[in-house]
Amino acid sequence: MLKKDSELVNFSEEHELNGILRKLDKSQSIENRKVLCELGKECKAKLNKRILEQTEFCEFVKQNLDKLKDKA
């Protein structure tokens, strides 16, 4: 079954990464978006997946919140 685009993470779209950061109450900075991209690579490797769903990626990020900067 194909997932809806809105259920997947597109790491090349800043607004999608900002949405994740907003949900987690973290700064929507360039640095945090870069961290999310790195976490995405780690999560894909861990789950052996090429494309990540929003829910599974958010759970992975929640386990790594210490890598993200808080809002100023």
C-alpha atoms as a PDB file:
ATOM      1  CA  MET A   1       0.000   0.000   0.000  1.00  0.00           C
ATOM      2  CA  LEU A   2       1.398   3.386  -0.993  1.00  0.00           C
ATOM      3  CA  LYS A   3       1.657   6.052   1.661  1.00  0.00           C
ATOM      4  CA  LYS A   4       0.391   9.587   1.154  1.00  0.00           C
ATOM      5  CA  ASP A   5       3.077  12.180   0.528  1.00  0.00           C
ATOM      6  CA  SER A   6       2.078  13.906   3.772  1.00  0.00           C
ATOM      7  CA  GLU A   7       2.896  10.722   5.718  1.00  0.00           C
ATOM      8  CA  LEU A   8       6.487  10.636   4.430  1.00  0.00           C
ATOM      9  CA  VAL A   9       9.513  12.770   5.288  1.00  0.00           C
ATOM     10  CA  ASN A  10      11.040  14.788   2.449  1.00  0.00           C
ATOM     11  CA  PHE A  11      14.437  15.919   3.700  1.00  0.00           C
ATOM     12  CA  SER A  12      14.895  18.367   0.820  1.00  0.00           C
ATOM     13  CA  GLU A  13      11.883  20.456   1.882  1.00  0.00           C
ATOM     14  CA  GLU A  14      12.718  23.022   4.569  1.00  0.00           C
ATOM     15  CA  HIS A  15       9.069  23.507   5.517  1.00  0.00           C
ATOM     16  CA  GLU A  16       8.725  19.792   6.302  1.00  0.00           C
ATOM     17  CA  LEU A  17      11.806  19.826   8.512  1.00  0.00           C
ATOM     18  CA  ASN A  18      10.581  23.033  10.153  1.00  0.00           C
ATOM     19  CA  GLY A  19       7.248  21.321  10.825  1.00  0.00           C
ATOM     20  CA  ILE A  20       9.003  18.522  12.678  1.00  0.00           C
ATOM     21  CA  LEU A  21      11.040  21.032  14.680  1.00  0.00           C
ATOM     22  CA  ARG A  22       7.895  23.022  15.475  1.00  0.00           C
ATOM     23  CA  LYS A  23       6.137  19.885  16.775  1.00  0.00           C
ATOM     24  CA  LEU A  24       9.119  19.222  19.040  1.00  0.00           C
ATOM     25  CA  ASP A  25       9.299  22.878  20.173  1.00  0.00           C
ATOM     26  CA  LYS A  26      12.869  23.253  18.846  1.00  0.00           C
ATOM     27  CA  SER A  27      14.522  26.091  16.948  1.00  0.00           C
ATOM     28  CA  GLN A  28      13.774  26.109  13.217  1.00  0.00           C
ATOM     29  CA  SER A  29      17.396  26.928  12.415  1.00  0.00           C
ATOM     30  CA  ILE A  30      19.618  25.841   9.548  1.00  0.00           C
ATOM     31  CA  GLU A  31      21.742  23.938  12.055  1.00  0.00           C
ATOM     32  CA  ASN A  32      18.764  21.977  13.406  1.00  0.00           C
ATOM     33  CA  ARG A  33      17.602  21.148   9.868  1.00  0.00           C
ATOM     34  CA  LYS A  34      21.082  19.780   9.150  1.00  0.00           C
ATOM     35  CA  VAL A  35      20.882  17.682  12.321  1.00  0.00           C
ATOM     36  CA  LEU A  36      17.498  16.321  11.196  1.00  0.00           C
ATOM     37  CA  CYS A  37      19.036  15.301   7.862  1.00  0.00           C
ATOM     38  CA  GLU A  38      21.840  13.464   9.659  1.00  0.00           C
ATOM     39  CA  LEU A  39      19.334  11.808  11.992  1.00  0.00           C
ATOM     40  CA  GLY A  40      17.361  10.812   8.897  1.00  0.00           C
ATOM     41  CA  LYS A  41      20.400   8.991   7.508  1.00  0.00           C
ATOM     42  CA  GLU A  42      20.883   7.215  10.844  1.00  0.00           C
ATOM     43  CA  CYS A  43      17.210   6.273  11.075  1.00  0.00           C
ATOM     44  CA  LYS A  44      17.136   4.954   7.491  1.00  0.00           C
ATOM     45  CA  ALA A  45      20.196   2.807   8.200  1.00  0.00           C
ATOM     46  CA  LYS A  46      18.776   1.520  11.488  1.00  0.00           C
ATOM     47  CA  LEU A  47      15.415   0.616   9.923  1.00  0.00           C
ATOM     48  CA  ASN A  48      16.977  -0.477   6.625  1.00  0.00           C
ATOM     49  CA  LYS A  49      14.594   1.814   4.713  1.00  0.00           C
ATOM     50  CA  ARG A  50      15.020   4.227   1.830  1.00  0.00           C
ATOM     51  CA  ILE A  51      11.989   6.375   2.680  1.00  0.00           C
ATOM     52  CA  LEU A  52      10.825   7.257   6.180  1.00  0.00           C
ATOM     53  CA  GLU A  53       7.341   7.837   7.491  1.00  0.00           C
ATOM     54  CA  GLN A  54       6.693  10.911   9.639  1.00  0.00           C
ATOM     55  CA  THR A  55       5.686   8.849  12.682  1.00  0.00           C
ATOM     56  CA  GLU A  56       8.730   6.560  12.704  1.00  0.00           C
ATOM     57  CA  PHE A  57      11.140   9.434  12.101  1.00  0.00           C
ATOM     58  CA  CYS A  58       9.598  11.592  14.834  1.00  0.00           C
ATOM     59  CA  GLU A  59       9.961   8.734  17.306  1.00  0.00           C
ATOM     60  CA  PHE A  60      13.630   8.393  16.338  1.00  0.00           C
ATOM     61  CA  VAL A  61      14.183  12.140  16.714  1.00  0.00           C
ATOM     62  CA  LYS A  62      12.549  12.130  20.154  1.00  0.00           C
ATOM     63  CA  GLN A  63      15.264   9.697  21.247  1.00  0.00           C
ATOM     64  CA  ASN A  64      17.881  12.230  20.081  1.00  0.00           C
ATOM     65  CA  LEU A  65      16.430  15.538  21.267  1.00  0.00           C
ATOM     66  CA  ASP A  66      19.718  16.432  22.949  1.00  0.00           C
ATOM     67  CA  LYS A  67      21.242  16.938  19.476  1.00  0.00           C
ATOM     68  CA  LEU A  68      18.769  19.732  18.636  1.00  0.00           C
ATOM     69  CA  LYS A  69      18.963  23.305  19.878  1.00  0.00           C
ATOM     70  CA  ASP A  70      16.062  24.824  21.792  1.00  0.00           C
ATOM     71  CA  LYS A  71      14.293  27.979  20.690  1.00  0.00           C
ATOM     72  CA  ALA A  72      16.109  31.172  21.604  1.00  0.00           C
END
